[in-house]
PDB file of N, CA and C in Angstrom:
ATOM      1  N   MET A   1      77.101 127.589  50.269  1.00  0.00           N
ATOM      2  CA  MET A   1      76.583 126.503  51.085  1.00  0.00           C
ATOM      3  C   MET A   1      75.132 126.844  51.419  1.00  0.00           C
ATOM      4  N   THR A   2      74.348 125.838  51.330  1.00  0.00           N
ATOM      5  CA  THR A   2      72.931 126.050  51.579  1.00  0.00           C
ATOM      6  C   THR A   2      72.650 125.947  53.070  1.00  0.00           C
ATOM      7  N   VAL A   3      71.490 126.385  53.439  1.00  0.00           N
ATOM      8  CA  VAL A   3      71.073 126.346  54.830  1.00  0.00           C
ATOM      9  C   VAL A   3      70.955 124.903  55.300  1.00  0.00           C
ATOM     10  N   ALA A   4      70.479 124.042  54.470  1.00  0.00           N
ATOM     11  CA  ALA A   4      70.310 122.630  54.829  1.00  0.00           C
ATOM     12  C   ALA A   4      71.666 121.991  55.102  1.00  0.00           C
ATOM     13  N   ARG A   5      72.648 122.262  54.221  1.00  0.00           N
ATOM     14  CA  ARG A   5      73.988 121.722  54.457  1.00  0.00           C
ATOM     15  C   ARG A   5      74.588 122.277  55.742  1.00  0.00           C
ATOM     16  N   GLY A   6      74.393 123.509  55.986  1.00  0.00           N
ATOM     17  CA  GLY A   6      74.908 124.134  57.211  1.00  0.00           C
ATOM     18  C   GLY A   6      74.323 123.482  58.456  1.00  0.00           C
ATOM     19  N   LEU A   7      73.013 123.222  58.403  1.00  0.00           N
ATOM     20  CA  LEU A   7      72.364 122.571  59.541  1.00  0.00           C
ATOM     21  C   LEU A   7      72.861 121.134  59.721  1.00  0.00           C
ATOM     22  N   VAL A   8      73.099 120.416  58.626  1.00  0.00           N
ATOM     23  CA  VAL A   8      73.614 119.050  58.707  1.00  0.00           C
ATOM     24  C   VAL A   8      75.011 119.064  59.316  1.00  0.00           C
ATOM     25  N   VAL A   9      75.857 119.960  58.852  1.00  0.00           N
ATOM     26  CA  VAL A   9      77.221 120.064  59.396  1.00  0.00           C
ATOM     27  C   VAL A   9      77.156 120.435  60.874  1.00  0.00           C
ATOM     28  N   LEU A  10      76.299 121.357  61.221  1.00  0.00           N
ATOM     29  CA  LEU A  10      76.157 121.754  62.630  1.00  0.00           C
ATOM     30  C   LEU A  10      75.661 120.588  63.480  1.00  0.00           C
ATOM     31  N   ALA A  11      74.710 119.816  62.984  1.00  0.00           N
ATOM     32  CA  ALA A  11      74.190 118.656  63.721  1.00  0.00           C
ATOM     33  C   ALA A  11      75.278 117.598  63.883  1.00  0.00           C
ATOM     34  N   MET A  12      76.071 117.388  62.831  1.00  0.00           N
ATOM     35  CA  MET A  12      77.162 116.406  62.918  1.00  0.00           C
ATOM     36  C   MET A  12      78.210 116.842  63.945  1.00  0.00           C
ATOM     37  N   LEU A  13      78.542 118.107  63.946  1.00  0.00           N
ATOM     38  CA  LEU A  13      79.512 118.614  64.929  1.00  0.00           C
ATOM     39  C   LEU A  13      78.959 118.474  66.347  1.00  0.00           C
ATOM     40  N   ALA A  14      77.691 118.746  66.518  1.00  0.00           N
ATOM     41  CA  ALA A  14      77.069 118.599  67.839  1.00  0.00           C
ATOM     42  C   ALA A  14      77.082 117.129  68.265  1.00  0.00           C
ATOM     43  N   ALA A  15      76.791 116.229  67.326  1.00  0.00           N
ATOM     44  CA  ALA A  15      76.800 114.796  67.645  1.00  0.00           C
ATOM     45  C   ALA A  15      78.207 114.337  68.024  1.00  0.00           C
ATOM     46  N   VAL A  16      79.205 114.801  67.304  1.00  0.00           N
ATOM     47  CA  VAL A  16      80.597 114.449  67.636  1.00  0.00           C
ATOM     48  C   VAL A  16      80.951 115.013  69.013  1.00  0.00           C
ATOM     49  N   GLY A  17      80.527 116.210  69.294  1.00  0.00           N
ATOM     50  CA  GLY A  17      80.801 116.805  70.611  1.00  0.00           C
ATOM     51  C   GLY A  17      80.161 116.006  71.738  1.00  0.00           C
ATOM     52  N   VAL A  18      78.922 115.593  71.549  1.00  0.00           N
ATOM     53  CA  VAL A  18      78.227 114.790  72.557  1.00  0.00           C
ATOM     54  C   VAL A  18      78.920 113.443  72.720  1.00  0.00           C
ATOM     55  N   ALA A  19      79.346 112.851  71.609  1.00  0.00           N
ATOM     56  CA  ALA A  19      80.037 111.560  71.673  1.00  0.00           C
ATOM     57  C   ALA A  19      81.359 111.685  72.431  1.00  0.00           C
ATOM     58  N   VAL A  20      82.088 112.764  72.181  1.00  0.00           N
ATOM     59  CA  VAL A  20      83.363 112.978  72.880  1.00  0.00           C
ATOM     60  C   VAL A  20      83.126 113.124  74.385  1.00  0.00           C
ATOM     61  N   VAL A  21      82.119 113.876  74.757  1.00  0.00           N
ATOM     62  CA  VAL A  21      81.807 114.050  76.183  1.00  0.00           C
ATOM     63  C   VAL A  21      81.399 112.723  76.805  1.00  0.00           C
ATOM     64  N   ALA A  22      80.592 111.936  76.101  1.00  0.00           N
ATOM     65  CA  ALA A  22      80.160 110.635  76.625  1.00  0.00           C
ATOM     66  C   ALA A  22      81.349 109.694  76.793  1.00  0.00           C
ATOM     67  N   VAL A  23      82.252 109.669  75.824  1.00  0.00           N
ATOM     68  CA  VAL A  23      83.438 108.804  75.915  1.00  0.00           C
ATOM     69  C   VAL A  23      84.315 109.236  77.087  1.00  0.00           C
ATOM     70  N   ARG A  24      84.492 110.520  77.264  1.00  0.00           N
ATOM     71  CA  ARG A  24      85.306 110.998  78.396  1.00  0.00           C
ATOM     72  C   ARG A  24      84.663 110.648  79.729  1.00  0.00           C
ATOM     73  N   ALA A  25      83.348 110.732  79.815  1.00  0.00           N
ATOM     74  CA  ALA A  25      82.651 110.377  81.052  1.00  0.00           C
ATOM     75  C   ALA A  25      82.837 108.891  81.355  1.00  0.00           C
ATOM     76  N   GLU A  26      82.708 108.035  80.342  1.00  0.00           N
ATOM     77  CA  GLU A  26      82.911 106.593  80.536  1.00  0.00           C
ATOM     78  C   GLU A  26      84.355 106.294  80.921  1.00  0.00           C
ATOM     79  N   THR A  27      85.295 107.019  80.335  1.00  0.00           N
ATOM     80  CA  THR A  27      86.704 106.838  80.676  1.00  0.00           C
ATOM     81  C   THR A  27      86.952 107.216  82.130  1.00  0.00           C
ATOM     82  N   ALA A  28      86.343 108.285  82.576  1.00  0.00           N
ATOM     83  CA  ALA A  28      86.498 108.699  83.974  1.00  0.00           C
ATOM     84  C   ALA A  28      85.891 107.663  84.917  1.00  0.00           C
ATOM     85  N   LYS A  29      84.713 107.115  84.559  1.00  0.00           N
ATOM     86  CA  LYS A  29      84.095 106.071  85.388  1.00  0.00           C
ATOM     87  C   LYS A  29      84.989 104.836  85.453  1.00  0.00           C
ATOM     88  N   ALA A  30      85.544 104.452  84.310  1.00  0.00           N
ATOM     89  CA  ALA A  30      86.409 103.270  84.274  1.00  0.00           C
ATOM     90  C   ALA A  30      87.673 103.500  85.101  1.00  0.00           C
ATOM     91  N   ALA A  31      88.255 104.673  85.010  1.00  0.00           N
ATOM     92  CA  ALA A  31      89.455 104.982  85.795  1.00  0.00           C
ATOM     93  C   ALA A  31      89.146 104.948  87.287  1.00  0.00           C
ATOM     94  N   ASN A  32      87.975 105.462  87.664  1.00  0.00           N
ATOM     95  CA  ASN A  32      87.568 105.448  89.066  1.00  0.00           C
ATOM     96  C   ASN A  32      87.400 104.009  89.556  1.00  0.00           C
ATOM     97  N   ARG A  33      86.779 103.165  88.733  1.00  0.00           N
ATOM     98  CA  ARG A  33      86.589 101.759  89.102  1.00  0.00           C
ATOM     99  C   ARG A  33      87.933 101.040  89.224  1.00  0.00           C
ATOM    100  N   VAL A  34      88.842 101.308  88.301  1.00  0.00           N
ATOM    101  CA  VAL A  34      90.178 100.698  88.370  1.00  0.00           C
ATOM    102  C   VAL A  34      90.875 101.114  89.668  1.00  0.00           C
ATOM    103  N   GLN A  35      90.760 102.367  90.040  1.00  0.00           N
ATOM    104  CA  GLN A  35      91.379 102.848  91.274  1.00  0.00           C
ATOM    105  C   GLN A  35      90.793 102.146  92.495  1.00  0.00           C
ATOM    106  N   ARG A  36      89.474 102.008  92.540  1.00  0.00           N
ATOM    107  CA  ARG A  36      88.838 101.316  93.673  1.00  0.00           C
ATOM    108  C   ARG A  36      89.258  99.854  93.733  1.00  0.00           C
ATOM    109  N   LEU A  37      89.321  99.190  92.578  1.00  0.00           N
ATOM    110  CA  LEU A  37      89.743  97.789  92.548  1.00  0.00           C
ATOM    111  C   LEU A  37      91.201  97.644  92.980  1.00  0.00           C
ATOM    112  N   HIS A  38      92.021  98.614  92.623  1.00  0.00           N
ATOM    113  CA  HIS A  38      93.418  98.589  93.061  1.00  0.00           C
ATOM    114  C   HIS A  38      93.510  98.721  94.584  1.00  0.00           C
ATOM    115  N   GLU A  39      92.695  99.581  95.152  1.00  0.00           N
ATOM    116  CA  GLU A  39      92.682  99.737  96.611  1.00  0.00           C
ATOM    117  C   GLU A  39      92.245  98.442  97.286  1.00  0.00           C
ATOM    118  N   VAL A  40      91.232  97.777  96.710  1.00  0.00           N
ATOM    119  CA  VAL A  40      90.780  96.493  97.262  1.00  0.00           C
ATOM    120  C   VAL A  40      91.901  95.458  97.151  1.00  0.00           C
ATOM    121  N   GLU A  41      92.593  95.449  96.025  1.00  0.00           N
ATOM    122  CA  GLU A  41      93.702  94.510  95.831  1.00  0.00           C
ATOM    123  C   GLU A  41      94.787  94.721  96.878  1.00  0.00           C
ATOM    124  N   VAL A  42      95.142  95.968  97.131  1.00  0.00           N
ATOM    125  CA  VAL A  42      96.168  96.264  98.131  1.00  0.00           C
ATOM    126  C   VAL A  42      95.718  95.798  99.516  1.00  0.00           C
ATOM    127  N   GLU A  43      94.458  96.050  99.859  1.00  0.00           N
ATOM    128  CA  GLU A  43      93.936  95.624 101.163  1.00  0.00           C
ATOM    129  C   GLU A  43      93.960  94.104 101.283  1.00  0.00           C
ATOM    130  N   LEU A  44      93.556  93.412 100.226  1.00  0.00           N
ATOM    131  CA  LEU A  44      93.559  91.949 100.260  1.00  0.00           C
ATOM    132  C   LEU A  44      94.986  91.396 100.359  1.00  0.00           C
ATOM    133  N   LYS A  45      95.930  92.040  99.696  1.00  0.00           N
ATOM    134  CA  LYS A  45      97.335  91.609  99.810  1.00  0.00           C
ATOM    135  C   LYS A  45      97.834  91.790 101.235  1.00  0.00           C
ATOM    136  N   HIS A  46      97.471  92.894 101.873  1.00  0.00           N
ATOM    137  CA  HIS A  46      97.876  93.115 103.266  1.00  0.00           C
ATOM    138  C   HIS A  46      97.291  92.033 104.168  1.00  0.00           C
ATOM    139  N   ARG A  47      96.008  91.713 103.955  1.00  0.00           N
ATOM    140  CA  ARG A  47      95.383  90.658 104.769  1.00  0.00           C
ATOM    141  C   ARG A  47      96.057  89.315 104.530  1.00  0.00           C
ATOM    142  N   MET A  48      96.372  89.015 103.272  1.00  0.00           N
ATOM    143  CA  MET A  48      97.028  87.746 102.951  1.00  0.00           C
ATOM    144  C   MET A  48      98.400  87.670 103.612  1.00  0.00           C
ATOM    145  N   TRP A  49      99.174  88.751 103.557  1.00  0.00           N
ATOM    146  CA  TRP A  49     100.501  88.759 104.182  1.00  0.00           C
ATOM    147  C   TRP A  49     100.383  88.578 105.690  1.00  0.00           C
ATOM    148  N   SER A  50      99.392  89.218 106.290  1.00  0.00           N
ATOM    149  CA  SER A  50      99.192  89.069 107.733  1.00  0.00           C
ATOM    150  C   SER A  50      98.852  87.631 108.082  1.00  0.00           C
ATOM    151  N   GLN A  51      97.993  87.020 107.283  1.00  0.00           N
ATOM    152  CA  GLN A  51      97.617  85.631 107.548  1.00  0.00           C
ATOM    153  C   GLN A  51      98.782  84.680 107.302  1.00  0.00           C
ATOM    154  N   GLU A  52      99.628  84.975 106.311  1.00  0.00           N
ATOM    155  CA  GLU A  52     100.814  84.156 106.088  1.00  0.00           C
ATOM    156  C   GLU A  52     101.782  84.264 107.266  1.00  0.00           C
ATOM    157  N   MET A  53     101.894  85.459 107.818  1.00  0.00           N
ATOM    158  CA  MET A  53     102.763  85.643 108.990  1.00  0.00           C
ATOM    159  C   MET A  53     102.210  84.871 110.187  1.00  0.00           C
ATOM    160  N   GLU A  54     100.897  84.917 110.373  1.00  0.00           N
ATOM    161  CA  GLU A  54     100.270  84.175 111.468  1.00  0.00           C
ATOM    162  C   GLU A  54     100.461  82.675 111.271  1.00  0.00           C
ATOM    163  N   LEU A  55     100.318  82.211 110.048  1.00  0.00           N
ATOM    164  CA  LEU A  55     100.525  80.796 109.753  1.00  0.00           C
ATOM    165  C   LEU A  55     101.969  80.386 110.023  1.00  0.00           C
ATOM    166  N   ALA A  56     102.908  81.213 109.633  1.00  0.00           N
ATOM    167  CA  ALA A  56     104.320  80.911 109.896  1.00  0.00           C
ATOM    168  C   ALA A  56     104.579  80.860 111.401  1.00  0.00           C
ATOM    169  N   ARG A  57     103.950  81.765 112.134  1.00  0.00           N
ATOM    170  CA  ARG A  57     104.128  81.766 113.592  1.00  0.00           C
ATOM    171  C   ARG A  57     103.551  80.484 114.194  1.00  0.00           C
ATOM    172  N   LEU A  58     102.366  80.072 113.727  1.00  0.00           N
ATOM    173  CA  LEU A  58     101.734  78.873 114.266  1.00  0.00           C
ATOM    174  C   LEU A  58     102.472  77.593 113.877  1.00  0.00           C
ATOM    175  N   ARG A  59     103.218  77.632 112.789  1.00  0.00           N
ATOM    176  CA  ARG A  59     103.983  76.461 112.364  1.00  0.00           C
ATOM    177  C   ARG A  59     105.338  76.364 113.060  1.00  0.00           C
ATOM    178  N   GLY A  60     105.674  77.348 113.854  1.00  0.00           N
ATOM    179  CA  GLY A  60     106.960  77.346 114.546  1.00  0.00           C
ATOM    180  C   GLY A  60     107.043  76.218 115.564  1.00  0.00           C
ATOM    181  N   PRO A  61     108.248  75.735 115.821  1.00  0.00           N
ATOM    182  CA  PRO A  61     108.430  74.614 116.742  1.00  0.00           C
ATOM    183  C   PRO A  61     107.879  74.873 118.144  1.00  0.00           C
ATOM    184  N   GLU A  62     108.050  76.075 118.632  1.00  0.00           N
ATOM    185  CA  GLU A  62     107.585  76.378 119.993  1.00  0.00           C
ATOM    186  C   GLU A  62     106.064  76.335 120.060  1.00  0.00           C
ATOM    187  N   GLN A  63     105.386  76.885 119.056  1.00  0.00           N
ATOM    188  CA  GLN A  63     103.923  76.856 119.034  1.00  0.00           C
ATOM    189  C   GLN A  63     103.411  75.424 118.906  1.00  0.00           C
ATOM    190  N   ILE A  64     104.066  74.624 118.085  1.00  0.00           N
ATOM    191  CA  ILE A  64     103.657  73.224 117.936  1.00  0.00           C
ATOM    192  C   ILE A  64     103.831  72.502 119.268  1.00  0.00           C
ATOM    193  N   ARG A  65     104.943  72.760 119.932  1.00  0.00           N
ATOM    194  CA  ARG A  65     105.209  72.129 121.232  1.00  0.00           C
ATOM    195  C   ARG A  65     104.136  72.532 122.257  1.00  0.00           C
ATOM    196  N   GLN A  66     103.787  73.802 122.283  1.00  0.00           N
ATOM    197  CA  GLN A  66     102.770  74.281 123.224  1.00  0.00           C
ATOM    198  C   GLN A  66     101.400  73.654 122.942  1.00  0.00           C
ATOM    199  N   ARG A  67     101.013  73.573 121.668  1.00  0.00           N
ATOM    200  CA  ARG A  67      99.724  72.971 121.335  1.00  0.00           C
ATOM    201  C   ARG A  67      99.715  71.484 121.658  1.00  0.00           C
ATOM    202  N   ALA A  68     100.838  70.805 121.420  1.00  0.00           N
ATOM    203  CA  ALA A  68     100.909  69.378 121.731  1.00  0.00           C
ATOM    204  C   ALA A  68     100.784  69.162 123.236  1.00  0.00           C
ATOM    205  N   GLN A  69     101.428  70.002 124.028  1.00  0.00           N
ATOM    206  CA  GLN A  69     101.315  69.892 125.486  1.00  0.00           C
ATOM    207  C   GLN A  69      99.898  70.185 125.946  1.00  0.00           C
ATOM    208  N   ALA A  70      99.259  71.167 125.330  1.00  0.00           N
ATOM    209  CA  ALA A  70      97.881  71.500 125.701  1.00  0.00           C
ATOM    210  C   ALA A  70      96.937  70.340 125.388  1.00  0.00           C
ATOM    211  N   MET A  71      97.233  69.559 124.363  1.00  0.00           N
ATOM    212  CA  MET A  71      96.411  68.402 124.011  1.00  0.00           C
ATOM    213  C   MET A  71      96.827  67.147 124.761  1.00  0.00           C
ATOM    214  N   GLY A  72      97.872  67.256 125.556  1.00  0.00           N
ATOM    215  CA  GLY A  72      98.324  66.108 126.329  1.00  0.00           C
ATOM    216  C   GLY A  72      99.138  65.112 125.513  1.00  0.00           C
ATOM    217  N   LEU A  73      99.697  65.563 124.412  1.00  0.00           N
ATOM    218  CA  LEU A  73     100.522  64.681 123.589  1.00  0.00           C
ATOM    219  C   LEU A  73     101.962  64.748 124.055  1.00  0.00           C
ATOM    220  N   GLN A  74     102.644  63.641 123.913  1.00  0.00           N
ATOM    221  CA  GLN A  74     104.051  63.601 124.279  1.00  0.00           C
ATOM    222  C   GLN A  74     104.857  63.721 122.990  1.00  0.00           C
ATOM    223  N   VAL A  75     105.643  64.761 122.906  1.00  0.00           N
ATOM    224  CA  VAL A  75     106.430  64.996 121.702  1.00  0.00           C
ATOM    225  C   VAL A  75     107.775  64.308 121.873  1.00  0.00           C
ATOM    226  N   VAL A  76     108.024  63.338 120.998  1.00  0.00           N
ATOM    227  CA  VAL A  76     109.278  62.586 121.048  1.00  0.00           C
ATOM    228  C   VAL A  76     109.904  62.661 119.672  1.00  0.00           C
ATOM    229  N   PRO A  77     111.153  63.124 119.590  1.00  0.00           N
ATOM    230  CA  PRO A  77     111.786  63.180 118.275  1.00  0.00           C
ATOM    231  C   PRO A  77     112.048  61.759 117.761  1.00  0.00           C
ATOM    232  N   PRO A  78     112.033  61.548 116.449  1.00  0.00           N
ATOM    233  CA  PRO A  78     112.275  60.217 115.907  1.00  0.00           C
ATOM    234  C   PRO A  78     113.722  59.793 116.150  1.00  0.00           C
ATOM    235  N   ALA A  79     113.913  58.481 116.280  1.00  0.00           N
ATOM    236  CA  ALA A  79     115.276  57.963 116.446  1.00  0.00           C
ATOM    237  C   ALA A  79     116.060  58.259 115.177  1.00  0.00           C
ATOM    238  N   ARG A  80     117.368  58.303 115.287  1.00  0.00           N
ATOM    239  CA  ARG A  80     118.191  58.680 114.142  1.00  0.00           C
ATOM    240  C   ARG A  80     118.099  57.669 113.008  1.00  0.00           C
ATOM    241  N   ASP A  81     117.968  56.380 113.321  1.00  0.00           N
ATOM    242  CA  ASP A  81     117.985  55.366 112.283  1.00  0.00           C
ATOM    243  C   ASP A  81     116.611  55.092 111.686  1.00  0.00           C
ATOM    244  N   GLU A  82     115.537  55.572 112.297  1.00  0.00           N
ATOM    245  CA  GLU A  82     114.201  55.305 111.756  1.00  0.00           C
ATOM    246  C   GLU A  82     113.560  56.602 111.289  1.00  0.00           C
ATOM    247  N   LYS A  83     112.881  56.486 110.176  1.00  0.00           N
ATOM    248  CA  LYS A  83     112.160  57.634 109.632  1.00  0.00           C
ATOM    249  C   LYS A  83     110.676  57.324 109.730  1.00  0.00           C
ATOM    250  N   PRO A  84     109.863  58.298 110.116  1.00  0.00           N
ATOM    251  CA  PRO A  84     108.419  58.030 110.173  1.00  0.00           C
ATOM    252  C   PRO A  84     107.884  57.782 108.774  1.00  0.00           C
ATOM    253  N   LYS A  85     106.992  56.816 108.667  1.00  0.00           N
ATOM    254  CA  LYS A  85     106.392  56.500 107.384  1.00  0.00           C
ATOM    255  C   LYS A  85     105.335  57.544 107.062  1.00  0.00           C
ATOM    256  N   LYS A  86     105.158  57.770 105.792  1.00  0.00           N
ATOM    257  CA  LYS A  86     104.174  58.753 105.351  1.00  0.00           C
ATOM    258  C   LYS A  86     102.776  58.296 105.767  1.00  0.00           C
ATOM    259  N   GLY A  87     102.057  59.161 106.462  1.00  0.00           N
ATOM    260  CA  GLY A  87     100.707  58.860 106.900  1.00  0.00           C
ATOM    261  C   GLY A  87     100.647  58.028 108.173  1.00  0.00           C
ATOM    262  N   ALA A  88     101.802  57.746 108.786  1.00  0.00           N
ATOM    263  CA  ALA A  88     101.801  56.935 110.014  1.00  0.00           C
ATOM    264  C   ALA A  88     101.290  57.752 111.175  1.00  0.00           C
ATOM    265  N   ILE A  89     100.583  57.089 112.075  1.00  0.00           N
ATOM    266  CA  ILE A  89     100.073  57.731 113.280  1.00  0.00           C
ATOM    267  C   ILE A  89     101.059  57.439 114.402  1.00  0.00           C
ATOM    268  N   VAL A  90     101.573  58.510 114.993  1.00  0.00           N
ATOM    269  CA  VAL A  90     102.545  58.370 116.061  1.00  0.00           C
ATOM    270  C   VAL A  90     101.798  58.355 117.384  1.00  0.00           C
ATOM    271  N   LYS A  91     101.926  57.266 118.114  1.00  0.00           N
ATOM    272  CA  LYS A  91     101.247  57.135 119.401  1.00  0.00           C
ATOM    273  C   LYS A  91     102.183  57.618 120.518  1.00  0.00           C
ATOM    274  N   PRO A  92     101.614  58.216 121.548  1.00  0.00           N
ATOM    275  CA  PRO A  92     102.461  58.666 122.651  1.00  0.00           C
ATOM    276  C   PRO A  92     103.111  57.480 123.369  1.00  0.00           C
ATOM    277  N   ARG A  93     104.351  57.703 123.767  1.00  0.00           N
ATOM    278  CA  ARG A  93     105.072  56.659 124.496  1.00  0.00           C
ATOM    279  C   ARG A  93     104.686  56.693 125.971  1.00  0.00           C
ATOM    280  N   ASP A  94     104.600  55.546 126.576  1.00  0.00           N
ATOM    281  CA  ASP A  94     104.246  55.482 128.007  1.00  0.00           C
ATOM    282  C   ASP A  94     105.474  55.488 128.876  1.00  0.00           C
TER     283      ASP A  94
END
């Protein structure tokens, strides 16, 4: 083997080594980013669940009754034979 061939083989091995190190570094960066995004996802899911729980609490009959009283509305259940029409405005009874 000539000196020139030896140097070419050595340069190719060095280039492959540098490429392997660069690929591993990029893989580590990508894994780190995936981990951070997963943490953000978990935090956002926790916030969403908390807000869903708050929404469920606010939709409860007692909360609706309290808000209606605070607004001065009179809550009257519909008669058994009549159903409220979709989009109808229910006026307080005197």
